[in-house]
Amino acid sequence: MNLKNWIFATRLYTLPLSIYGISLSFFLSTHSIMEMYKCLKTYVFSILTALSLQILANFSNDYGDSIKLIFHDNEMSMKKKFVYEGIISSKQMKKAIFILFILSFILGFILIYPILYENIIIFFTYLIGLIFCILSAIKYSCGNNPYGWKWGMGDLSVFLFFGIFSVLGSFFLYNRLVPSFQVILLSISMGFLNTAILNINNMRDLYEDSINRKETIVVRFGLNFAKWYHFVMILNAILLGFLFISMKNNIYQLFSLSIVSVLLIMHCRNIMLINNNKFLLHLELKKLVFLIFLYVLSIGMQNYL
């Protein structure tokens, strides 16, 4: 077994996306070193659970897409799929998926276990949610009818899991408070930003997805539509961020978010100018991953000032 191949198969550049929403709600839930320390255990196990779910989804995506590509038997230049190319065997990948299935459940159970002694109804709500997240990570690409291959469903799942559920679900775990309207705004904003990442990925893979009958929004409506769709999501994320700041009236947040917003608009301009160049789209994808990190810091870290 080559460890390097497994590391590549985790798609390291996607892993930060699973923890951005969790980190943002952590910043919003704490205002001092003492509060950070109090929430630290929950934060760590939230990250570990999210990372295990993300790797589970990435491995399942590699396995599920590889099976369908073999089934369609297309001769074309494909994005790297480790099972498809025989770098990792199907048996090995299925074993890894099973291990991550168990690991995700154990980490998630440890995360939510303290709620059992506080409110059994909320505990079972989170438990059902955990199982739903695990199954969703697998069913995105695996099985006879993966929802990630249906138009709009991949975008909706990323919006919900990496935005709404990530921010709001972890926010309650940190302080046992119902998320405020301000936090809800930021969860929607994070949903838009993370969905924009998927959109770039789908723009990059337009040719392969169309041949393999994977009905992404880009395949369904075309590249030009996808570019404007991308711009609207980024713009909405920026506006929601500024709306949040207007309620906080924090000059430091205003300044830092203004800088990040300019960089995001420049990113959108680049996307508009790229004409189906995979390499340039991939560069913009990685750039957006970093810009989301700056977005989280610009709003979250300034919460301590």
C-alpha atoms as a PDB file:
ATOM      1  CA  MET A   1       0.000   0.000   0.000  1.00  0.00           C
ATOM      2  CA  ASN A   2       1.421   3.370  -1.048  1.00  0.00           C
ATOM      3  CA  LEU A   3       0.592   5.957   1.621  1.00  0.00           C
ATOM      4  CA  LYS A   4       1.193   8.801  -0.832  1.00  0.00           C
ATOM      5  CA  ASN A   5      -1.656   7.577  -3.056  1.00  0.00           C
ATOM      6  CA  TRP A   6      -4.053   7.516  -0.115  1.00  0.00           C
ATOM      7  CA  ILE A   7      -3.022  11.038   0.872  1.00  0.00           C
ATOM      8  CA  PHE A   8      -3.717  12.251  -2.671  1.00  0.00           C
ATOM      9  CA  ALA A   9      -7.040  10.404  -2.671  1.00  0.00           C
ATOM     10  CA  THR A  10      -8.174  12.423   0.358  1.00  0.00           C
ATOM     11  CA  ARG A  11      -8.031  15.558  -1.868  1.00  0.00           C
ATOM     12  CA  LEU A  12      -6.303  17.647   0.762  1.00  0.00           C
ATOM     13  CA  TYR A  13      -7.371  20.961  -0.780  1.00  0.00           C
ATOM     14  CA  THR A  14     -11.044  20.127  -0.078  1.00  0.00           C
ATOM     15  CA  LEU A  15     -10.557  19.382   3.624  1.00  0.00           C
ATOM     16  CA  PRO A  16     -10.491  23.006   4.850  1.00  0.00           C
ATOM     17  CA  LEU A  17     -14.010  23.468   3.462  1.00  0.00           C
ATOM     18  CA  SER A  18     -15.363  21.015   6.030  1.00  0.00           C
ATOM     19  CA  ILE A  19     -14.039  23.044   8.963  1.00  0.00           C
ATOM     20  CA  TYR A  20     -14.639  26.649   7.849  1.00  0.00           C
ATOM     21  CA  GLY A  21     -18.262  26.761   9.019  1.00  0.00           C
ATOM     22  CA  ILE A  22     -17.368  25.044  12.296  1.00  0.00           C
ATOM     23  CA  SER A  23     -14.551  27.525  12.881  1.00  0.00           C
ATOM     24  CA  LEU A  24     -16.737  30.524  12.083  1.00  0.00           C
ATOM     25  CA  SER A  25     -19.382  29.477  14.608  1.00  0.00           C
ATOM     26  CA  PHE A  26     -16.590  28.817  17.129  1.00  0.00           C
ATOM     27  CA  PHE A  27     -15.395  32.416  16.740  1.00  0.00           C
ATOM     28  CA  LEU A  28     -18.961  33.694  17.016  1.00  0.00           C
ATOM     29  CA  SER A  29     -19.576  31.647  20.166  1.00  0.00           C
ATOM     30  CA  THR A  30     -16.491  32.806  22.053  1.00  0.00           C
ATOM     31  CA  HIS A  31     -15.351  36.284  23.069  1.00  0.00           C
ATOM     32  CA  SER A  32     -12.444  35.522  25.390  1.00  0.00           C
ATOM     33  CA  ILE A  33      -9.666  33.016  26.047  1.00  0.00           C
ATOM     34  CA  MET A  34     -11.733  31.431  28.813  1.00  0.00           C
ATOM     35  CA  GLU A  35     -14.701  30.919  26.530  1.00  0.00           C
ATOM     36  CA  MET A  36     -12.417  29.486  23.841  1.00  0.00           C
ATOM     37  CA  TYR A  37     -10.961  27.030  26.342  1.00  0.00           C
ATOM     38  CA  LYS A  38     -14.447  26.026  27.479  1.00  0.00           C
ATOM     39  CA  CYS A  39     -15.502  25.227  23.901  1.00  0.00           C
ATOM     40  CA  LEU A  40     -12.169  23.745  22.794  1.00  0.00           C
ATOM     41  CA  LYS A  41     -13.059  20.064  23.263  1.00  0.00           C
ATOM     42  CA  THR A  42     -16.287  20.483  21.306  1.00  0.00           C
ATOM     43  CA  TYR A  43     -14.400  22.395  18.601  1.00  0.00           C
ATOM     44  CA  VAL A  44     -11.730  19.687  18.257  1.00  0.00           C
ATOM     45  CA  PHE A  45     -14.228  16.834  18.012  1.00  0.00           C
ATOM     46  CA  SER A  46     -16.377  18.864  15.602  1.00  0.00           C
ATOM     47  CA  ILE A  47     -13.356  19.256  13.339  1.00  0.00           C
ATOM     48  CA  LEU A  48     -12.367  15.593  13.614  1.00  0.00           C
ATOM     49  CA  THR A  49     -15.909  14.491  12.800  1.00  0.00           C
ATOM     50  CA  ALA A  50     -16.152  16.892   9.869  1.00  0.00           C
ATOM     51  CA  LEU A  51     -12.782  15.825   8.459  1.00  0.00           C
ATOM     52  CA  SER A  52     -13.646  12.131   8.706  1.00  0.00           C
ATOM     53  CA  LEU A  53     -16.956  12.805   6.918  1.00  0.00           C
ATOM     54  CA  GLN A  54     -15.184  14.809   4.212  1.00  0.00           C
ATOM     55  CA  ILE A  55     -12.604  12.079   3.587  1.00  0.00           C
ATOM     56  CA  LEU A  56     -15.419   9.503   3.604  1.00  0.00           C
ATOM     57  CA  ALA A  57     -17.211  11.567   0.941  1.00  0.00           C
ATOM     58  CA  ASN A  58     -14.025  11.924  -1.134  1.00  0.00           C
ATOM     59  CA  PHE A  59     -13.271   8.189  -1.030  1.00  0.00           C
ATOM     60  CA  SER A  60     -16.899   7.344  -1.828  1.00  0.00           C
ATOM     61  CA  ASN A  61     -16.811   9.841  -4.691  1.00  0.00           C
ATOM     62  CA  ASP A  62     -13.683   8.215  -6.122  1.00  0.00           C
ATOM     63  CA  TYR A  63     -15.163   4.726  -5.824  1.00  0.00           C
ATOM     64  CA  GLY A  64     -18.661   5.609  -7.039  1.00  0.00           C
ATOM     65  CA  ASP A  65     -17.509   7.708  -9.995  1.00  0.00           C
ATOM     66  CA  SER A  66     -14.935   5.074 -10.975  1.00  0.00           C
ATOM     67  CA  ILE A  67     -17.559   2.334 -11.119  1.00  0.00           C
ATOM     68  CA  LYS A  68     -19.786   4.466 -13.347  1.00  0.00           C
ATOM     69  CA  LEU A  69     -16.911   5.479 -15.603  1.00  0.00           C
ATOM     70  CA  ILE A  70     -15.943   1.839 -16.066  1.00  0.00           C
ATOM     71  CA  PHE A  71     -19.579   0.993 -16.744  1.00  0.00           C
ATOM     72  CA  HIS A  72     -19.837   3.679 -19.433  1.00  0.00           C
ATOM     73  CA  ASP A  73     -16.451   2.584 -20.825  1.00  0.00           C
ATOM     74  CA  ASN A  74     -15.461   5.986 -22.166  1.00  0.00           C
ATOM     75  CA  GLU A  75     -12.057   6.540 -23.720  1.00  0.00           C
ATOM     76  CA  MET A  76     -11.134  10.063 -22.729  1.00  0.00           C
ATOM     77  CA  SER A  77      -8.812  12.109 -20.611  1.00  0.00           C
ATOM     78  CA  MET A  78     -10.273  11.897 -17.132  1.00  0.00           C
ATOM     79  CA  LYS A  79      -9.614  13.728 -13.925  1.00  0.00           C
ATOM     80  CA  LYS A  80      -7.635  11.498 -11.585  1.00  0.00           C
ATOM     81  CA  LYS A  81      -9.706   8.720 -10.060  1.00  0.00           C
ATOM     82  CA  PHE A  82      -7.600   6.284  -8.089  1.00  0.00           C
ATOM     83  CA  VAL A  83      -9.913   3.270  -8.357  1.00  0.00           C
ATOM     84  CA  TYR A  84     -10.621   3.967 -12.033  1.00  0.00           C
ATOM     85  CA  GLU A  85      -6.909   4.064 -12.843  1.00  0.00           C
ATOM     86  CA  GLY A  86      -6.132   0.988 -10.749  1.00  0.00           C
ATOM     87  CA  ILE A  87      -3.868   2.872  -8.347  1.00  0.00           C
ATOM     88  CA  ILE A  88      -6.085   1.777  -5.449  1.00  0.00           C
ATOM     89  CA  SER A  89      -8.078  -1.431  -5.817  1.00  0.00           C
ATOM     90  CA  SER A  90     -11.847  -1.480  -5.493  1.00  0.00           C
ATOM     91  CA  LYS A  91     -11.564  -3.829  -2.513  1.00  0.00           C
ATOM     92  CA  GLN A  92      -9.114  -1.522  -0.730  1.00  0.00           C
ATOM     93  CA  MET A  93     -11.302   1.521  -1.280  1.00  0.00           C
ATOM     94  CA  LYS A  94     -14.429  -0.225  -0.009  1.00  0.00           C
ATOM     95  CA  LYS A  95     -12.526  -1.248   3.118  1.00  0.00           C
ATOM     96  CA  ALA A  96     -11.354   2.343   3.634  1.00  0.00           C
ATOM     97  CA  ILE A  97     -14.931   3.606   3.198  1.00  0.00           C
ATOM     98  CA  PHE A  98     -16.163   1.136   5.829  1.00  0.00           C
ATOM     99  CA  ILE A  99     -13.429   2.188   8.292  1.00  0.00           C
ATOM    100  CA  LEU A 100     -14.272   5.872   7.800  1.00  0.00           C
ATOM    101  CA  PHE A 101     -17.964   5.062   8.193  1.00  0.00           C
ATOM    102  CA  ILE A 102     -17.251   3.621  11.648  1.00  0.00           C
ATOM    103  CA  LEU A 103     -14.748   6.347  12.555  1.00  0.00           C
ATOM    104  CA  SER A 104     -17.171   9.131  11.609  1.00  0.00           C
ATOM    105  CA  PHE A 105     -19.887   7.618  13.764  1.00  0.00           C
ATOM    106  CA  ILE A 106     -17.585   7.149  16.784  1.00  0.00           C
ATOM    107  CA  LEU A 107     -16.197  10.694  16.589  1.00  0.00           C
ATOM    108  CA  GLY A 108     -19.670  12.153  16.045  1.00  0.00           C
ATOM    109  CA  PHE A 109     -21.104  10.167  18.950  1.00  0.00           C
ATOM    110  CA  ILE A 110     -18.348  11.402  21.284  1.00  0.00           C
ATOM    111  CA  LEU A 111     -19.128  14.938  20.106  1.00  0.00           C
ATOM    112  CA  ILE A 112     -22.843  14.820  20.877  1.00  0.00           C
ATOM    113  CA  TYR A 113     -22.770  12.438  23.868  1.00  0.00           C
ATOM    114  CA  PRO A 114     -22.816  15.201  26.544  1.00  0.00           C
ATOM    115  CA  ILE A 115     -26.214  16.353  25.242  1.00  0.00           C
ATOM    116  CA  LEU A 116     -27.720  13.019  26.328  1.00  0.00           C
ATOM    117  CA  TYR A 117     -27.649  14.163  29.962  1.00  0.00           C
ATOM    118  CA  GLU A 118     -29.130  17.555  29.129  1.00  0.00           C
ATOM    119  CA  ASN A 119     -31.929  16.879  26.645  1.00  0.00           C
ATOM    120  CA  ILE A 120     -32.577  13.409  25.254  1.00  0.00           C
ATOM    121  CA  ILE A 121     -34.757  14.730  22.419  1.00  0.00           C
ATOM    122  CA  ILE A 122     -32.019  17.050  21.153  1.00  0.00           C
ATOM    123  CA  PHE A 123     -29.482  14.223  21.557  1.00  0.00           C
ATOM    124  CA  PHE A 124     -31.477  11.877  19.322  1.00  0.00           C
ATOM    125  CA  THR A 125     -32.040  14.721  16.860  1.00  0.00           C
ATOM    126  CA  TYR A 126     -28.273  15.149  16.549  1.00  0.00           C
ATOM    127  CA  LEU A 127     -27.782  11.364  16.409  1.00  0.00           C
ATOM    128  CA  ILE A 128     -30.218  11.067  13.502  1.00  0.00           C
ATOM    129  CA  GLY A 129     -28.490  14.025  11.881  1.00  0.00           C
ATOM    130  CA  LEU A 130     -25.105  12.314  12.283  1.00  0.00           C
ATOM    131  CA  ILE A 131     -26.329   9.121  10.631  1.00  0.00           C
ATOM    132  CA  PHE A 132     -27.925  11.186   7.858  1.00  0.00           C
ATOM    133  CA  CYS A 133     -24.624  13.009   7.230  1.00  0.00           C
ATOM    134  CA  ILE A 134     -22.688   9.735   7.059  1.00  0.00           C
ATOM    135  CA  LEU A 135     -25.124   8.125   4.626  1.00  0.00           C
ATOM    136  CA  SER A 136     -25.288  11.312   2.551  1.00  0.00           C
ATOM    137  CA  ALA A 137     -21.486  11.387   2.253  1.00  0.00           C
ATOM    138  CA  ILE A 138     -21.594   7.888   0.758  1.00  0.00           C
ATOM    139  CA  LYS A 139     -24.731   8.229  -1.355  1.00  0.00           C
ATOM    140  CA  TYR A 140     -23.452  11.383  -3.082  1.00  0.00           C
ATOM    141  CA  SER A 141     -21.659   9.232  -5.655  1.00  0.00           C
ATOM    142  CA  CYS A 142     -22.238   5.598  -4.661  1.00  0.00           C
ATOM    143  CA  GLY A 143     -25.135   3.289  -5.395  1.00  0.00           C
ATOM    144  CA  ASN A 144     -27.490   2.874  -8.322  1.00  0.00           C
ATOM    145  CA  ASN A 145     -29.030   6.310  -7.941  1.00  0.00           C
ATOM    146  CA  PRO A 146     -26.468   8.764  -6.490  1.00  0.00           C
ATOM    147  CA  TYR A 147     -27.993  12.145  -5.783  1.00  0.00           C
ATOM    148  CA  GLY A 148     -24.756  13.953  -6.677  1.00  0.00           C
ATOM    149  CA  TRP A 149     -25.338  12.986 -10.319  1.00  0.00           C
ATOM    150  CA  LYS A 150     -28.724  14.721 -10.436  1.00  0.00           C
ATOM    151  CA  TRP A 151     -28.784  18.375 -11.434  1.00  0.00           C
ATOM    152  CA  GLY A 152     -28.950  20.764  -8.541  1.00  0.00           C
ATOM    153  CA  MET A 153     -28.732  18.105  -5.826  1.00  0.00           C
ATOM    154  CA  GLY A 154     -24.956  18.346  -5.454  1.00  0.00           C
ATOM    155  CA  ASP A 155     -25.165  22.123  -5.068  1.00  0.00           C
ATOM    156  CA  LEU A 156     -28.032  21.868  -2.590  1.00  0.00           C
ATOM    157  CA  SER A 157     -26.220  19.284  -0.466  1.00  0.00           C
ATOM    158  CA  VAL A 158     -23.038  21.397  -0.287  1.00  0.00           C
ATOM    159  CA  PHE A 159     -25.103  24.491   0.590  1.00  0.00           C
ATOM    160  CA  LEU A 160     -26.819  22.626   3.423  1.00  0.00           C
ATOM    161  CA  PHE A 161     -23.968  20.527   4.831  1.00  0.00           C
ATOM    162  CA  PHE A 162     -21.097  23.010   4.511  1.00  0.00           C
ATOM    163  CA  GLY A 163     -23.175  26.088   5.231  1.00  0.00           C
ATOM    164  CA  ILE A 164     -26.425  25.743   7.171  1.00  0.00           C
ATOM    165  CA  PHE A 165     -25.763  22.526   9.115  1.00  0.00           C
ATOM    166  CA  SER A 166     -22.073  23.237   9.691  1.00  0.00           C
ATOM    167  CA  VAL A 167     -22.532  26.709  11.187  1.00  0.00           C
ATOM    168  CA  LEU A 168     -25.861  26.317  12.981  1.00  0.00           C
ATOM    169  CA  GLY A 169     -25.293  22.753  14.204  1.00  0.00           C
ATOM    170  CA  SER A 170     -21.908  23.493  15.742  1.00  0.00           C
ATOM    171  CA  PHE A 171     -23.054  26.849  17.154  1.00  0.00           C
ATOM    172  CA  PHE A 172     -25.590  25.114  19.400  1.00  0.00           C
ATOM    173  CA  LEU A 173     -23.011  22.547  20.506  1.00  0.00           C
ATOM    174  CA  TYR A 174     -20.648  25.288  21.655  1.00  0.00           C
ATOM    175  CA  ASN A 175     -22.990  27.237  23.899  1.00  0.00           C
ATOM    176  CA  ARG A 176     -26.381  25.454  23.892  1.00  0.00           C
ATOM    177  CA  LEU A 177     -28.021  28.572  22.468  1.00  0.00           C
ATOM    178  CA  VAL A 178     -30.455  28.755  19.573  1.00  0.00           C
ATOM    179  CA  PRO A 179     -28.619  30.505  16.691  1.00  0.00           C
ATOM    180  CA  SER A 180     -29.566  34.146  16.276  1.00  0.00           C
ATOM    181  CA  PHE A 181     -30.679  35.758  13.029  1.00  0.00           C
ATOM    182  CA  GLN A 182     -27.138  37.087  12.573  1.00  0.00           C
ATOM    183  CA  VAL A 183     -25.646  33.589  12.777  1.00  0.00           C
ATOM    184  CA  ILE A 184     -28.262  32.301  10.325  1.00  0.00           C
ATOM    185  CA  LEU A 185     -27.175  34.994   7.856  1.00  0.00           C
ATOM    186  CA  LEU A 186     -23.575  33.816   8.070  1.00  0.00           C
ATOM    187  CA  SER A 187     -24.590  30.160   7.669  1.00  0.00           C
ATOM    188  CA  ILE A 188     -26.297  31.078   4.373  1.00  0.00           C
ATOM    189  CA  SER A 189     -23.233  33.078   3.373  1.00  0.00           C
ATOM    190  CA  MET A 190     -20.949  30.090   4.031  1.00  0.00           C
ATOM    191  CA  GLY A 191     -23.335  27.901   2.070  1.00  0.00           C
ATOM    192  CA  PHE A 192     -23.012  30.164  -0.979  1.00  0.00           C
ATOM    193  CA  LEU A 193     -19.212  30.277  -0.774  1.00  0.00           C
ATOM    194  CA  ASN A 194     -18.820  26.519  -0.477  1.00  0.00           C
ATOM    195  CA  THR A 195     -21.313  25.877  -3.269  1.00  0.00           C
ATOM    196  CA  ALA A 196     -19.216  28.207  -5.422  1.00  0.00           C
ATOM    197  CA  ILE A 197     -16.284  25.819  -4.876  1.00  0.00           C
ATOM    198  CA  LEU A 198     -18.360  22.932  -6.235  1.00  0.00           C
ATOM    199  CA  ASN A 199     -19.458  25.092  -9.145  1.00  0.00           C
ATOM    200  CA  ILE A 200     -15.838  25.730 -10.208  1.00  0.00           C
ATOM    201  CA  ASN A 201     -15.153  22.012  -9.895  1.00  0.00           C
ATOM    202  CA  ASN A 202     -18.132  21.288 -12.149  1.00  0.00           C
ATOM    203  CA  MET A 203     -17.050  23.934 -14.662  1.00  0.00           C
ATOM    204  CA  ARG A 204     -13.618  22.335 -14.801  1.00  0.00           C
ATOM    205  CA  ASP A 205     -15.125  18.871 -15.332  1.00  0.00           C
ATOM    206  CA  LEU A 206     -17.830  19.944 -17.796  1.00  0.00           C
ATOM    207  CA  TYR A 207     -16.633  17.763 -20.680  1.00  0.00           C
ATOM    208  CA  GLU A 208     -16.206  14.570 -18.634  1.00  0.00           C
ATOM    209  CA  ASP A 209     -19.463  15.065 -16.724  1.00  0.00           C
ATOM    210  CA  SER A 210     -21.491  15.633 -19.896  1.00  0.00           C
ATOM    211  CA  ILE A 211     -20.144  12.472 -21.524  1.00  0.00           C
ATOM    212  CA  ASN A 212     -20.780  10.429 -18.404  1.00  0.00           C
ATOM    213  CA  ARG A 213     -24.298  11.856 -18.107  1.00  0.00           C
ATOM    214  CA  LYS A 214     -23.604  13.502 -14.755  1.00  0.00           C
ATOM    215  CA  GLU A 215     -26.229  16.248 -14.707  1.00  0.00           C
ATOM    216  CA  THR A 216     -24.572  19.075 -12.837  1.00  0.00           C
ATOM    217  CA  ILE A 217     -25.968  22.582 -13.150  1.00  0.00           C
ATOM    218  CA  VAL A 218     -23.071  23.386 -15.490  1.00  0.00           C
ATOM    219  CA  VAL A 219     -23.957  20.456 -17.758  1.00  0.00           C
ATOM    220  CA  ARG A 220     -27.639  21.328 -17.635  1.00  0.00           C
ATOM    221  CA  PHE A 221     -27.414  25.064 -18.358  1.00  0.00           C
ATOM    222  CA  GLY A 222     -23.965  25.608 -19.846  1.00  0.00           C
ATOM    223  CA  LEU A 223     -20.730  27.360 -18.958  1.00  0.00           C
ATOM    224  CA  ASN A 224     -21.938  30.952 -19.362  1.00  0.00           C
ATOM    225  CA  PHE A 225     -24.846  30.354 -16.999  1.00  0.00           C
ATOM    226  CA  ALA A 226     -22.467  28.726 -14.501  1.00  0.00           C
ATOM    227  CA  LYS A 227     -20.234  31.821 -14.531  1.00  0.00           C
ATOM    228  CA  TRP A 228     -23.125  34.150 -13.666  1.00  0.00           C
ATOM    229  CA  TYR A 229     -24.441  31.636 -11.163  1.00  0.00           C
ATOM    230  CA  HIS A 230     -21.006  31.720  -9.557  1.00  0.00           C
ATOM    231  CA  PHE A 231     -20.928  35.516  -9.463  1.00  0.00           C
ATOM    232  CA  VAL A 232     -24.390  35.734  -7.876  1.00  0.00           C
ATOM    233  CA  MET A 233     -23.431  33.291  -5.114  1.00  0.00           C
ATOM    234  CA  ILE A 234     -20.220  35.156  -4.308  1.00  0.00           C
ATOM    235  CA  LEU A 235     -22.014  38.507  -4.376  1.00  0.00           C
ATOM    236  CA  ASN A 236     -24.758  37.257  -2.060  1.00  0.00           C
ATOM    237  CA  ALA A 237     -22.142  35.890   0.350  1.00  0.00           C
ATOM    238  CA  ILE A 238     -20.424  39.290   0.434  1.00  0.00           C
ATOM    239  CA  LEU A 239     -23.699  41.163   0.972  1.00  0.00           C
ATOM    240  CA  LEU A 240     -24.729  38.845   3.795  1.00  0.00           C
ATOM    241  CA  GLY A 241     -21.330  39.354   5.400  1.00  0.00           C
ATOM    242  CA  PHE A 242     -21.746  43.132   5.290  1.00  0.00           C
ATOM    243  CA  LEU A 243     -25.300  42.823   6.604  1.00  0.00           C
ATOM    244  CA  PHE A 244     -23.950  40.875   9.580  1.00  0.00           C
ATOM    245  CA  ILE A 245     -21.294  43.538  10.204  1.00  0.00           C
ATOM    246  CA  SER A 246     -23.878  46.327   9.991  1.00  0.00           C
ATOM    247  CA  MET A 247     -25.621  44.737  12.972  1.00  0.00           C
ATOM    248  CA  LYS A 248     -22.361  44.453  14.906  1.00  0.00           C
ATOM    249  CA  ASN A 249     -21.018  47.899  14.008  1.00  0.00           C
ATOM    250  CA  ASN A 250     -17.387  46.727  14.161  1.00  0.00           C
ATOM    251  CA  ILE A 251     -14.981  48.912  12.167  1.00  0.00           C
ATOM    252  CA  TYR A 252     -12.284  46.212  12.125  1.00  0.00           C
ATOM    253  CA  GLN A 253     -14.655  43.689  10.584  1.00  0.00           C
ATOM    254  CA  LEU A 254     -15.768  46.268   8.034  1.00  0.00           C
ATOM    255  CA  PHE A 255     -12.209  47.008   6.981  1.00  0.00           C
ATOM    256  CA  SER A 256     -11.043  43.388   6.746  1.00  0.00           C
ATOM    257  CA  LEU A 257     -14.186  42.171   4.967  1.00  0.00           C
ATOM    258  CA  SER A 258     -13.879  45.033   2.464  1.00  0.00           C
ATOM    259  CA  ILE A 259     -10.414  43.796   1.497  1.00  0.00           C
ATOM    260  CA  VAL A 260     -11.575  40.182   1.196  1.00  0.00           C
ATOM    261  CA  SER A 261     -14.595  41.305  -0.843  1.00  0.00           C
ATOM    262  CA  VAL A 262     -12.350  43.050  -3.375  1.00  0.00           C
ATOM    263  CA  LEU A 263     -10.328  39.840  -3.738  1.00  0.00           C
ATOM    264  CA  LEU A 264     -13.536  37.824  -4.189  1.00  0.00           C
ATOM    265  CA  ILE A 265     -14.781  40.190  -6.898  1.00  0.00           C
ATOM    266  CA  MET A 266     -11.396  39.918  -8.659  1.00  0.00           C
ATOM    267  CA  HIS A 267     -11.776  36.140  -8.466  1.00  0.00           C
ATOM    268  CA  CYS A 268     -15.221  36.409 -10.095  1.00  0.00           C
ATOM    269  CA  ARG A 269     -13.739  38.566 -12.846  1.00  0.00           C
ATOM    270  CA  ASN A 270     -11.139  35.874 -13.535  1.00  0.00           C
ATOM    271  CA  ILE A 271     -13.852  33.212 -13.698  1.00  0.00           C
ATOM    272  CA  MET A 272     -15.765  35.290 -16.244  1.00  0.00           C
ATOM    273  CA  LEU A 273     -12.685  35.597 -18.453  1.00  0.00           C
ATOM    274  CA  ILE A 274     -11.657  31.932 -18.372  1.00  0.00           C
ATOM    275  CA  ASN A 275     -12.867  30.029 -21.414  1.00  0.00           C
ATOM    276  CA  ASN A 276     -13.039  26.379 -20.354  1.00  0.00           C
ATOM    277  CA  ASN A 277      -9.363  26.213 -19.345  1.00  0.00           C
ATOM    278  CA  LYS A 278      -9.098  23.403 -16.778  1.00  0.00           C
ATOM    279  CA  PHE A 279      -5.770  24.508 -15.383  1.00  0.00           C
ATOM    280  CA  LEU A 280      -6.882  28.095 -14.786  1.00  0.00           C
ATOM    281  CA  LEU A 281     -10.189  26.956 -13.296  1.00  0.00           C
ATOM    282  CA  HIS A 282      -8.337  24.674 -10.905  1.00  0.00           C
ATOM    283  CA  LEU A 283      -6.115  27.566  -9.850  1.00  0.00           C
ATOM    284  CA  GLU A 284      -9.181  29.704  -9.170  1.00  0.00           C
ATOM    285  CA  LEU A 285     -10.711  26.842  -7.188  1.00  0.00           C
ATOM    286  CA  LYS A 286      -7.697  26.720  -4.884  1.00  0.00           C
ATOM    287  CA  LYS A 287      -7.664  30.507  -4.701  1.00  0.00           C
ATOM    288  CA  LEU A 288     -11.302  30.547  -3.604  1.00  0.00           C
ATOM    289  CA  VAL A 289     -10.573  27.965  -0.886  1.00  0.00           C
ATOM    290  CA  PHE A 290      -7.998  30.404   0.528  1.00  0.00           C
ATOM    291  CA  LEU A 291     -10.319  33.407   0.136  1.00  0.00           C
ATOM    292  CA  ILE A 292     -13.026  31.639   2.139  1.00  0.00           C
ATOM    293  CA  PHE A 293     -10.424  31.163   4.865  1.00  0.00           C
ATOM    294  CA  LEU A 294      -9.780  34.925   4.821  1.00  0.00           C
ATOM    295  CA  TYR A 295     -13.542  35.552   4.842  1.00  0.00           C
ATOM    296  CA  VAL A 296     -13.920  33.450   8.005  1.00  0.00           C
ATOM    297  CA  LEU A 297     -11.009  35.243   9.684  1.00  0.00           C
ATOM    298  CA  SER A 298     -12.234  38.695   8.660  1.00  0.00           C
ATOM    299  CA  ILE A 299     -15.560  38.130  10.395  1.00  0.00           C
ATOM    300  CA  GLY A 300     -14.660  35.667  13.111  1.00  0.00           C
ATOM    301  CA  MET A 301     -11.351  36.850  14.524  1.00  0.00           C
ATOM    302  CA  GLN A 302     -12.474  40.464  14.661  1.00  0.00           C
ATOM    303  CA  ASN A 303     -15.188  39.300  17.032  1.00  0.00           C
ATOM    304  CA  TYR A 304     -12.576  39.522  19.802  1.00  0.00           C
ATOM    305  CA  LEU A 305     -11.848  43.214  19.159  1.00  0.00           C
END
